[in-house]
All heavy atoms as atom14 arrays in JSON, in Angstrom:
{
  "sequence": "FMDNVDYDAWCRYLTGLLGKFGVQDGLVCELGCGTGNMTERLDEAG",
  "atom14_mask": [
    [1, 1, 1, 1, 1, 1, 1, 1, 1, 1, 1, 0, 0, 0],
    [1, 1, 1, 1, 1, 1, 1, 1, 0, 0, 0, 0, 0, 0],
    [1, 1, 1, 1, 1, 1, 1, 1, 0, 0, 0, 0, 0, 0],
    [1, 1, 1, 1, 1, 1, 1, 1, 0, 0, 0, 0, 0, 0],
    [1, 1, 1, 1, 1, 1, 1, 0, 0, 0, 0, 0, 0, 0],
    [1, 1, 1, 1, 1, 1, 1, 1, 0, 0, 0, 0, 0, 0],
    [1, 1, 1, 1, 1, 1, 1, 1, 1, 1, 1, 1, 0, 0],
    [1, 1, 1, 1, 1, 1, 1, 1, 0, 0, 0, 0, 0, 0],
    [1, 1, 1, 1, 1, 0, 0, 0, 0, 0, 0, 0, 0, 0],
    [1, 1, 1, 1, 1, 1, 1, 1, 1, 1, 1, 1, 1, 1],
    [1, 1, 1, 1, 1, 1, 0, 0, 0, 0, 0, 0, 0, 0],
    [1, 1, 1, 1, 1, 1, 1, 1, 1, 1, 1, 0, 0, 0],
    [1, 1, 1, 1, 1, 1, 1, 1, 1, 1, 1, 1, 0, 0],
    [1, 1, 1, 1, 1, 1, 1, 1, 0, 0, 0, 0, 0, 0],
    [1, 1, 1, 1, 1, 1, 1, 0, 0, 0, 0, 0, 0, 0],
    [1, 1, 1, 1, 0, 0, 0, 0, 0, 0, 0, 0, 0, 0],
    [1, 1, 1, 1, 1, 1, 1, 1, 0, 0, 0, 0, 0, 0],
    [1, 1, 1, 1, 1, 1, 1, 1, 0, 0, 0, 0, 0, 0],
    [1, 1, 1, 1, 0, 0, 0, 0, 0, 0, 0, 0, 0, 0],
    [1, 1, 1, 1, 1, 1, 1, 1, 1, 0, 0, 0, 0, 0],
    [1, 1, 1, 1, 1, 1, 1, 1, 1, 1, 1, 0, 0, 0],
    [1, 1, 1, 1, 0, 0, 0, 0, 0, 0, 0, 0, 0, 0],
    [1, 1, 1, 1, 1, 1, 1, 0, 0, 0, 0, 0, 0, 0],
    [1, 1, 1, 1, 1, 1, 1, 1, 1, 0, 0, 0, 0, 0],
    [1, 1, 1, 1, 1, 1, 1, 1, 0, 0, 0, 0, 0, 0],
    [1, 1, 1, 1, 0, 0, 0, 0, 0, 0, 0, 0, 0, 0],
    [1, 1, 1, 1, 1, 1, 1, 1, 0, 0, 0, 0, 0, 0],
    [1, 1, 1, 1, 1, 1, 1, 0, 0, 0, 0, 0, 0, 0],
    [1, 1, 1, 1, 1, 1, 0, 0, 0, 0, 0, 0, 0, 0],
    [1, 1, 1, 1, 1, 1, 1, 1, 1, 0, 0, 0, 0, 0],
    [1, 1, 1, 1, 1, 1, 1, 1, 0, 0, 0, 0, 0, 0],
    [1, 1, 1, 1, 0, 0, 0, 0, 0, 0, 0, 0, 0, 0],
    [1, 1, 1, 1, 1, 1, 0, 0, 0, 0, 0, 0, 0, 0],
    [1, 1, 1, 1, 0, 0, 0, 0, 0, 0, 0, 0, 0, 0],
    [1, 1, 1, 1, 1, 1, 1, 0, 0, 0, 0, 0, 0, 0],
    [1, 1, 1, 1, 0, 0, 0, 0, 0, 0, 0, 0, 0, 0],
    [1, 1, 1, 1, 1, 1, 1, 1, 0, 0, 0, 0, 0, 0],
    [1, 1, 1, 1, 1, 1, 1, 1, 0, 0, 0, 0, 0, 0],
    [1, 1, 1, 1, 1, 1, 1, 0, 0, 0, 0, 0, 0, 0],
    [1, 1, 1, 1, 1, 1, 1, 1, 1, 0, 0, 0, 0, 0],
    [1, 1, 1, 1, 1, 1, 1, 1, 1, 1, 1, 0, 0, 0],
    [1, 1, 1, 1, 1, 1, 1, 1, 0, 0, 0, 0, 0, 0],
    [1, 1, 1, 1, 1, 1, 1, 1, 0, 0, 0, 0, 0, 0],
    [1, 1, 1, 1, 1, 1, 1, 1, 1, 0, 0, 0, 0, 0],
    [1, 1, 1, 1, 1, 0, 0, 0, 0, 0, 0, 0, 0, 0],
    [1, 1, 1, 1, 0, 0, 0, 0, 0, 0, 0, 0, 0, 0]
  ],
  "atom14_positions": [
    [[-65.39, -17.18, -26.45], [-64.22, -16.67, -25.76], [-63.12, -16.21, -26.72], [-62.15, -15.6, -26.3], [-63.66, -17.73, -24.8], [-64.53, -17.93, -23.58], [-65.09, -19.16, -23.32], [-64.78, -16.88, -22.72], [-65.89, -19.35, -22.2], [-65.58, -17.06, -21.6], [-66.15, -18.29, -21.34], [0.0, 0.0, 0.0], [0.0, 0.0, 0.0], [0.0, 0.0, 0.0]],
    [[-63.28, -16.49, -28.02], [-62.3, -16.05, -29.01], [-62.82, -14.87, -29.83], [-62.28, -14.55, -30.89], [-61.94, -17.21, -29.95], [-61.21, -18.36, -29.26], [-59.54, -17.91, -28.73], [-58.68, -17.96, -30.29], [0.0, 0.0, 0.0], [0.0, 0.0, 0.0], [0.0, 0.0, 0.0], [0.0, 0.0, 0.0], [0.0, 0.0, 0.0], [0.0, 0.0, 0.0]],
    [[-63.87, -14.22, -29.34], [-64.47, -13.15, -30.12], [-63.6, -11.89, -30.19], [-63.93, -10.93, -30.89], [-65.87, -12.8, -29.61], [-65.87, -12.25, -28.18], [-64.79, -12.11, -27.58], [-66.98, -11.97, -27.66], [0.0, 0.0, 0.0], [0.0, 0.0, 0.0], [0.0, 0.0, 0.0], [0.0, 0.0, 0.0], [0.0, 0.0, 0.0], [0.0, 0.0, 0.0]],
    [[-62.48, -11.89, -29.47], [-61.55, -10.75, -29.56], [-60.53, -10.93, -30.69], [-59.74, -10.02, -30.96], [-60.79, -10.59, -28.24], [-59.94, -11.81, -27.9], [-60.34, -12.93, -28.17], [-58.78, -11.6, -27.29], [0.0, 0.0, 0.0], [0.0, 0.0, 0.0], [0.0, 0.0, 0.0], [0.0, 0.0, 0.0], [0.0, 0.0, 0.0], [0.0, 0.0, 0.0]],
    [[-60.54, -12.07, -31.35], [-59.6, -12.34, -32.44], [-60.17, -11.77, -33.74], [-61.3, -12.08, -34.12], [-59.35, -13.86, -32.59], [-58.44, -14.13, -33.78], [-58.74, -14.42, -31.32], [0.0, 0.0, 0.0], [0.0, 0.0, 0.0], [0.0, 0.0, 0.0], [0.0, 0.0, 0.0], [0.0, 0.0, 0.0], [0.0, 0.0, 0.0], [0.0, 0.0, 0.0]],
    [[-59.38, -10.96, -34.42], [-59.81, -10.37, -35.68], [-59.47, -11.34, -36.81], [-58.44, -11.22, -37.49], [-59.12, -9.02, -35.9], [-59.71, -8.23, -37.07], [-60.42, -8.84, -37.9], [-59.45, -7.02, -37.16], [0.0, 0.0, 0.0], [0.0, 0.0, 0.0], [0.0, 0.0, 0.0], [0.0, 0.0, 0.0], [0.0, 0.0, 0.0], [0.0, 0.0, 0.0]],
    [[-60.35, -12.33, -37.0], [-60.11, -13.35, -38.02], [-60.09, -12.76, -39.43], [-59.4, -13.28, -40.31], [-61.16, -14.45, -37.92], [-60.96, -15.4, -36.77], [-61.79, -15.34, -35.64], [-59.96, -16.37, -36.8], [-61.61, -16.22, -34.58], [-59.78, -17.25, -35.75], [-60.6, -17.16, -34.63], [-60.42, -18.03, -33.58], [0.0, 0.0, 0.0], [0.0, 0.0, 0.0]],
    [[-60.86, -11.7, -39.66], [-60.89, -11.1, -40.99], [-59.51, -10.53, -41.35], [-59.0, -10.76, -42.45], [-61.94, -10.0, -41.06], [-63.37, -10.55, -40.98], [-63.58, -11.71, -41.41], [-64.25, -9.83, -40.5], [0.0, 0.0, 0.0], [0.0, 0.0, 0.0], [0.0, 0.0, 0.0], [0.0, 0.0, 0.0], [0.0, 0.0, 0.0], [0.0, 0.0, 0.0]],
    [[-58.91, -9.79, -40.41], [-57.57, -9.23, -40.66], [-56.54, -10.35, -40.78], [-55.63, -10.27, -41.62], [-57.19, -8.28, -39.53], [0.0, 0.0, 0.0], [0.0, 0.0, 0.0], [0.0, 0.0, 0.0], [0.0, 0.0, 0.0], [0.0, 0.0, 0.0], [0.0, 0.0, 0.0], [0.0, 0.0, 0.0], [0.0, 0.0, 0.0], [0.0, 0.0, 0.0]],
    [[-56.68, -11.39, -39.95], [-55.76, -12.53, -40.0], [-55.84, -13.21, -41.36], [-54.83, -13.59, -41.96], [-56.09, -13.5, -38.88], [-54.98, -14.41, -38.45], [-53.95, -14.88, -39.21], [-54.77, -14.94, -37.14], [-53.13, -15.69, -38.47], [-53.62, -15.75, -37.2], [-55.46, -14.84, -35.95], [-53.14, -16.44, -36.09], [-54.98, -15.52, -34.84], [-53.82, -16.31, -34.91]],
    [[-57.08, -13.35, -41.86], [-57.27, -13.99, -43.17], [-56.65, -13.14, -44.28], [-56.03, -13.68, -45.21], [-58.76, -14.21, -43.43], [-59.1, -15.06, -44.97], [0.0, 0.0, 0.0], [0.0, 0.0, 0.0], [0.0, 0.0, 0.0], [0.0, 0.0, 0.0], [0.0, 0.0, 0.0], [0.0, 0.0, 0.0], [0.0, 0.0, 0.0], [0.0, 0.0, 0.0]],
    [[-56.78, -11.83, -44.19], [-56.16, -10.96, -45.2], [-54.65, -11.12, -45.2], [-54.02, -11.16, -46.26], [-56.55, -9.5, -44.95], [-58.0, -9.17, -45.3], [-58.24, -7.68, -45.34], [-58.09, -7.06, -44.04], [-59.05, -6.94, -43.13], [-60.27, -7.42, -43.4], [-58.83, -6.34, -41.98], [0.0, 0.0, 0.0], [0.0, 0.0, 0.0], [0.0, 0.0, 0.0]],
    [[-54.07, -11.22, -44.01], [-52.62, -11.42, -43.92], [-52.23, -12.77, -44.52], [-51.27, -12.87, -45.29], [-52.19, -11.36, -42.46], [-50.71, -11.63, -42.25], [-49.75, -10.72, -42.65], [-50.29, -12.81, -41.64], [-48.39, -10.98, -42.47], [-48.94, -13.08, -41.45], [-47.99, -12.15, -41.86], [-46.65, -12.42, -41.68], [0.0, 0.0, 0.0], [0.0, 0.0, 0.0]],
    [[-53.0, -13.8, -44.19], [-52.69, -15.14, -44.68], [-52.84, -15.25, -46.18], [-51.98, -15.82, -46.87], [-53.6, -16.15, -43.96], [-53.36, -17.63, -44.22], [-51.92, -18.03, -43.94], [-54.31, -18.47, -43.36], [0.0, 0.0, 0.0], [0.0, 0.0, 0.0], [0.0, 0.0, 0.0], [0.0, 0.0, 0.0], [0.0, 0.0, 0.0], [0.0, 0.0, 0.0]],
    [[-53.92, -14.69, -46.72], [-54.1, -14.75, -48.17], [-53.03, -13.91, -48.89], [-52.61, -14.26, -50.01], [-55.5, -14.26, -48.58], [-55.75, -12.96, -48.04], [-56.57, -15.22, -48.08], [0.0, 0.0, 0.0], [0.0, 0.0, 0.0], [0.0, 0.0, 0.0], [0.0, 0.0, 0.0], [0.0, 0.0, 0.0], [0.0, 0.0, 0.0], [0.0, 0.0, 0.0]],
    [[-52.58, -12.83, -48.23], [-51.48, -12.06, -48.8], [-50.21, -12.89, -48.9], [-49.5, -12.84, -49.91], [0.0, 0.0, 0.0], [0.0, 0.0, 0.0], [0.0, 0.0, 0.0], [0.0, 0.0, 0.0], [0.0, 0.0, 0.0], [0.0, 0.0, 0.0], [0.0, 0.0, 0.0], [0.0, 0.0, 0.0], [0.0, 0.0, 0.0], [0.0, 0.0, 0.0]],
    [[-49.92, -13.66, -47.85], [-48.74, -14.53, -47.87], [-48.9, -15.64, -48.91], [-47.95, -15.95, -49.64], [-48.53, -15.16, -46.49], [-47.6, -14.45, -45.51], [-47.49, -15.26, -44.23], [-46.22, -14.21, -46.11], [0.0, 0.0, 0.0], [0.0, 0.0, 0.0], [0.0, 0.0, 0.0], [0.0, 0.0, 0.0], [0.0, 0.0, 0.0], [0.0, 0.0, 0.0]],
    [[-50.07, -16.23, -48.97], [-50.31, -17.27, -49.97], [-50.07, -16.72, -51.37], [-49.4, -17.35, -52.2], [-51.74, -17.8, -49.85], [-52.02, -18.72, -48.66], [-53.52, -18.9, -48.46], [-51.35, -20.08, -48.85], [0.0, 0.0, 0.0], [0.0, 0.0, 0.0], [0.0, 0.0, 0.0], [0.0, 0.0, 0.0], [0.0, 0.0, 0.0], [0.0, 0.0, 0.0]],
    [[-50.59, -15.52, -51.63], [-50.4, -14.9, -52.94], [-48.93, -14.59, -53.21], [-48.44, -14.78, -54.33], [0.0, 0.0, 0.0], [0.0, 0.0, 0.0], [0.0, 0.0, 0.0], [0.0, 0.0, 0.0], [0.0, 0.0, 0.0], [0.0, 0.0, 0.0], [0.0, 0.0, 0.0], [0.0, 0.0, 0.0], [0.0, 0.0, 0.0], [0.0, 0.0, 0.0]],
    [[-48.23, -14.14, -52.19], [-46.81, -13.83, -52.35], [-46.02, -15.05, -52.79], [-45.05, -14.93, -53.55], [-46.27, -13.31, -51.02], [-44.78, -12.98, -51.03], [-44.32, -12.45, -49.67], [-42.82, -12.15, -49.67], [-42.37, -11.59, -48.37], [0.0, 0.0, 0.0], [0.0, 0.0, 0.0], [0.0, 0.0, 0.0], [0.0, 0.0, 0.0], [0.0, 0.0, 0.0]],
    [[-46.44, -16.23, -52.34], [-45.74, -17.46, -52.7], [-46.47, -18.24, -53.81], [-46.3, -19.45, -53.94], [-45.51, -18.31, -51.46], [-44.46, -17.73, -50.55], [-44.81, -16.89, -49.51], [-43.12, -18.0, -50.77], [-43.83, -16.33, -48.68], [-42.14, -17.44, -49.96], [-42.5, -16.6, -48.91], [0.0, 0.0, 0.0], [0.0, 0.0, 0.0], [0.0, 0.0, 0.0]],
    [[-47.29, -17.51, -54.56], [-47.84, -18.07, -55.79], [-49.11, -18.88, -55.67], [-49.51, -19.55, -56.61], [0.0, 0.0, 0.0], [0.0, 0.0, 0.0], [0.0, 0.0, 0.0], [0.0, 0.0, 0.0], [0.0, 0.0, 0.0], [0.0, 0.0, 0.0], [0.0, 0.0, 0.0], [0.0, 0.0, 0.0], [0.0, 0.0, 0.0], [0.0, 0.0, 0.0]],
    [[-49.77, -18.83, -54.51], [-51.01, -19.61, -54.33], [-52.18, -18.64, -54.29], [-52.54, -18.11, -53.24], [-50.97, -20.47, -53.05], [-52.23, -21.33, -52.95], [-49.73, -21.36, -53.04], [0.0, 0.0, 0.0], [0.0, 0.0, 0.0], [0.0, 0.0, 0.0], [0.0, 0.0, 0.0], [0.0, 0.0, 0.0], [0.0, 0.0, 0.0], [0.0, 0.0, 0.0]],
    [[-52.77, -18.4, -55.46], [-53.89, -17.45, -55.55], [-55.24, -18.15, -55.43], [-56.24, -17.51, -55.12], [-53.83, -16.73, -56.91], [-52.51, -16.04, -57.2], [-52.35, -14.73, -56.45], [-53.25, -14.31, -55.73], [-51.2, -14.09, -56.62], [0.0, 0.0, 0.0], [0.0, 0.0, 0.0], [0.0, 0.0, 0.0], [0.0, 0.0, 0.0], [0.0, 0.0, 0.0]],
    [[-55.25, -19.44, -55.7], [-56.5, -20.2, -55.66], [-56.15, -21.67, -55.52], [-55.0, -22.03, -55.26], [-57.35, -19.94, -56.92], [-56.57, -20.21, -58.21], [-55.54, -20.94, -58.16], [-56.97, -19.7, -59.27], [0.0, 0.0, 0.0], [0.0, 0.0, 0.0], [0.0, 0.0, 0.0], [0.0, 0.0, 0.0], [0.0, 0.0, 0.0], [0.0, 0.0, 0.0]],
    [[-57.15, -22.54, -55.68], [-56.9, -23.98, -55.64], [-57.18, -24.59, -54.28], [-57.77, -23.97, -53.38], [0.0, 0.0, 0.0], [0.0, 0.0, 0.0], [0.0, 0.0, 0.0], [0.0, 0.0, 0.0], [0.0, 0.0, 0.0], [0.0, 0.0, 0.0], [0.0, 0.0, 0.0], [0.0, 0.0, 0.0], [0.0, 0.0, 0.0], [0.0, 0.0, 0.0]],
    [[-56.75, -25.83, -54.13], [-57.03, -26.62, -52.95], [-56.05, -26.3, -51.82], [-54.84, -26.36, -52.01], [-56.96, -28.11, -53.32], [-57.55, -29.14, -52.36], [-59.02, -28.85, -52.05], [-57.41, -30.54, -52.94], [0.0, 0.0, 0.0], [0.0, 0.0, 0.0], [0.0, 0.0, 0.0], [0.0, 0.0, 0.0], [0.0, 0.0, 0.0], [0.0, 0.0, 0.0]],
    [[-56.6, -25.97, -50.66], [-55.8, -25.62, -49.49], [-56.3, -26.42, -48.29], [-57.51, -26.56, -48.08], [-55.88, -24.1, -49.18], [-55.18, -23.78, -47.86], [-55.26, -23.3, -50.31], [0.0, 0.0, 0.0], [0.0, 0.0, 0.0], [0.0, 0.0, 0.0], [0.0, 0.0, 0.0], [0.0, 0.0, 0.0], [0.0, 0.0, 0.0], [0.0, 0.0, 0.0]],
    [[-55.37, -26.94, -47.51], [-55.7, -27.71, -46.31], [-55.31, -26.92, -45.08], [-54.19, -26.39, -45.0], [-54.97, -29.05, -46.33], [-55.17, -30.02, -44.81], [0.0, 0.0, 0.0], [0.0, 0.0, 0.0], [0.0, 0.0, 0.0], [0.0, 0.0, 0.0], [0.0, 0.0, 0.0], [0.0, 0.0, 0.0], [0.0, 0.0, 0.0], [0.0, 0.0, 0.0]],
    [[-56.21, -26.84, -44.1], [-55.9, -26.18, -42.83], [-55.77, -27.24, -41.74], [-56.7, -28.02, -41.48], [-56.97, -25.17, -42.43], [-56.62, -24.48, -41.12], [-57.66, -23.51, -40.61], [-58.75, -23.4, -41.22], [-57.4, -22.89, -39.57], [0.0, 0.0, 0.0], [0.0, 0.0, 0.0], [0.0, 0.0, 0.0], [0.0, 0.0, 0.0], [0.0, 0.0, 0.0]],
    [[-54.61, -27.27, -41.08], [-54.38, -28.17, -39.97], [-54.76, -27.48, -38.66], [-54.4, -26.32, -38.45], [-52.91, -28.59, -39.91], [-52.35, -29.34, -41.12], [-50.86, -29.61, -40.92], [-53.1, -30.64, -41.35], [0.0, 0.0, 0.0], [0.0, 0.0, 0.0], [0.0, 0.0, 0.0], [0.0, 0.0, 0.0], [0.0, 0.0, 0.0], [0.0, 0.0, 0.0]],
    [[-55.47, -28.2, -37.78], [-55.93, -27.59, -36.54], [-56.99, -26.54, -36.8], [-56.95, -25.45, -36.23], [0.0, 0.0, 0.0], [0.0, 0.0, 0.0], [0.0, 0.0, 0.0], [0.0, 0.0, 0.0], [0.0, 0.0, 0.0], [0.0, 0.0, 0.0], [0.0, 0.0, 0.0], [0.0, 0.0, 0.0], [0.0, 0.0, 0.0], [0.0, 0.0, 0.0]],
    [[-57.97, -26.88, -37.63], [-58.95, -25.89, -38.1], [-59.97, -25.5, -37.04], [-60.67, -24.5, -37.2], [-59.66, -26.41, -39.34], [-60.7, -27.87, -39.04], [0.0, 0.0, 0.0], [0.0, 0.0, 0.0], [0.0, 0.0, 0.0], [0.0, 0.0, 0.0], [0.0, 0.0, 0.0], [0.0, 0.0, 0.0], [0.0, 0.0, 0.0], [0.0, 0.0, 0.0]],
    [[-60.09, -26.29, -35.96], [-61.02, -25.96, -34.89], [-62.45, -25.86, -35.38], [-62.95, -26.73, -36.09], [0.0, 0.0, 0.0], [0.0, 0.0, 0.0], [0.0, 0.0, 0.0], [0.0, 0.0, 0.0], [0.0, 0.0, 0.0], [0.0, 0.0, 0.0], [0.0, 0.0, 0.0], [0.0, 0.0, 0.0], [0.0, 0.0, 0.0], [0.0, 0.0, 0.0]],
    [[-63.15, -24.77, -35.03], [-64.55, -24.6, -35.4], [-64.71, -23.98, -36.78], [-65.81, -23.57, -37.15], [-65.3, -23.74, -34.36], [-64.7, -22.44, -34.31], [-65.23, -24.38, -32.97], [0.0, 0.0, 0.0], [0.0, 0.0, 0.0], [0.0, 0.0, 0.0], [0.0, 0.0, 0.0], [0.0, 0.0, 0.0], [0.0, 0.0, 0.0], [0.0, 0.0, 0.0]],
    [[-63.62, -23.88, -37.52], [-63.71, -23.47, -38.91], [-63.71, -21.97, -39.16], [-64.06, -21.53, -40.26], [0.0, 0.0, 0.0], [0.0, 0.0, 0.0], [0.0, 0.0, 0.0], [0.0, 0.0, 0.0], [0.0, 0.0, 0.0], [0.0, 0.0, 0.0], [0.0, 0.0, 0.0], [0.0, 0.0, 0.0], [0.0, 0.0, 0.0], [0.0, 0.0, 0.0]],
    [[-63.29, -21.17, -38.18], [-63.31, -19.72, -38.37], [-62.44, -19.27, -39.54], [-62.86, -18.44, -40.36], [-62.86, -19.02, -37.09], [-63.87, -19.14, -35.98], [-65.07, -18.98, -36.22], [-63.44, -19.44, -34.78], [0.0, 0.0, 0.0], [0.0, 0.0, 0.0], [0.0, 0.0, 0.0], [0.0, 0.0, 0.0], [0.0, 0.0, 0.0], [0.0, 0.0, 0.0]],
    [[-61.22, -19.79, -39.62], [-60.35, -19.41, -40.73], [-60.7, -20.19, -41.99], [-60.62, -19.66, -43.1], [-58.88, -19.64, -40.37], [-57.89, -19.12, -41.41], [-58.04, -17.34, -41.69], [-57.32, -16.73, -40.15], [0.0, 0.0, 0.0], [0.0, 0.0, 0.0], [0.0, 0.0, 0.0], [0.0, 0.0, 0.0], [0.0, 0.0, 0.0], [0.0, 0.0, 0.0]],
    [[-61.09, -21.43, -41.83], [-61.44, -22.26, -42.98], [-62.55, -21.62, -43.8], [-62.49, -21.57, -45.04], [-61.91, -23.66, -42.52], [-61.26, -24.03, -41.32], [-61.65, -24.71, -43.58], [0.0, 0.0, 0.0], [0.0, 0.0, 0.0], [0.0, 0.0, 0.0], [0.0, 0.0, 0.0], [0.0, 0.0, 0.0], [0.0, 0.0, 0.0], [0.0, 0.0, 0.0]],
    [[-63.57, -21.12, -43.11], [-64.69, -20.47, -43.79], [-64.23, -19.21, -44.52], [-64.66, -18.94, -45.65], [-65.78, -20.12, -42.78], [-66.51, -21.32, -42.22], [-68.01, -21.22, -42.43], [-68.54, -20.1, -42.51], [-68.66, -22.29, -42.55], [0.0, 0.0, 0.0], [0.0, 0.0, 0.0], [0.0, 0.0, 0.0], [0.0, 0.0, 0.0], [0.0, 0.0, 0.0]],
    [[-63.37, -18.44, -43.89], [-62.91, -17.2, -44.52], [-62.03, -17.48, -45.74], [-62.11, -16.75, -46.73], [-62.17, -16.35, -43.48], [-63.13, -15.66, -42.5], [-62.41, -15.11, -41.28], [-63.29, -14.31, -40.46], [-64.14, -14.82, -39.57], [-64.22, -16.15, -39.4], [-64.92, -14.02, -38.86], [0.0, 0.0, 0.0], [0.0, 0.0, 0.0], [0.0, 0.0, 0.0]],
    [[-61.22, -18.51, -45.67], [-60.4, -18.87, -46.83], [-61.28, -19.39, -47.96], [-61.01, -19.15, -49.14], [-59.34, -19.9, -46.44], [-58.21, -19.36, -45.56], [-57.34, -20.51, -45.04], [-57.34, -18.36, -46.33], [0.0, 0.0, 0.0], [0.0, 0.0, 0.0], [0.0, 0.0, 0.0], [0.0, 0.0, 0.0], [0.0, 0.0, 0.0], [0.0, 0.0, 0.0]],
    [[-62.34, -20.1, -47.6], [-63.3, -20.54, -48.61], [-63.95, -19.33, -49.27], [-64.08, -19.27, -50.5], [-64.37, -21.43, -47.95], [-65.39, -21.95, -48.94], [-65.12, -22.97, -49.59], [-66.47, -21.33, -49.06], [0.0, 0.0, 0.0], [0.0, 0.0, 0.0], [0.0, 0.0, 0.0], [0.0, 0.0, 0.0], [0.0, 0.0, 0.0], [0.0, 0.0, 0.0]],
    [[-64.31, -18.36, -48.47], [-64.91, -17.12, -48.98], [-63.92, -16.37, -49.89], [-64.32, -15.72, -50.86], [-65.32, -16.22, -47.82], [-65.9, -14.87, -48.2], [-67.26, -14.96, -48.86], [-67.98, -15.98, -48.63], [-67.62, -14.05, -49.6], [0.0, 0.0, 0.0], [0.0, 0.0, 0.0], [0.0, 0.0, 0.0], [0.0, 0.0, 0.0], [0.0, 0.0, 0.0]],
    [[-62.62, -16.5, -49.58], [-61.58, -15.83, -50.37], [-61.32, -16.52, -51.7], [-60.51, -16.04, -52.5], [-60.3, -15.73, -49.56], [0.0, 0.0, 0.0], [0.0, 0.0, 0.0], [0.0, 0.0, 0.0], [0.0, 0.0, 0.0], [0.0, 0.0, 0.0], [0.0, 0.0, 0.0], [0.0, 0.0, 0.0], [0.0, 0.0, 0.0], [0.0, 0.0, 0.0]],
    [[-61.95, -17.68, -51.93], [-61.84, -18.34, -53.22], [-61.04, -19.62, -53.25], [-60.85, -20.21, -54.31], [0.0, 0.0, 0.0], [0.0, 0.0, 0.0], [0.0, 0.0, 0.0], [0.0, 0.0, 0.0], [0.0, 0.0, 0.0], [0.0, 0.0, 0.0], [0.0, 0.0, 0.0], [0.0, 0.0, 0.0], [0.0, 0.0, 0.0], [0.0, 0.0, 0.0]]
  ]
}
């Protein structure tokens, strides 16, 4: 039922914000990760 959410674009926005505030890599915790849609993409992002 969430297949209309563009998680790839959302992840690009999120990683852009992380980079803007100096977090290019390292350990990141996701709160309310659900079925891991964003968690997996952030893992893929490094």
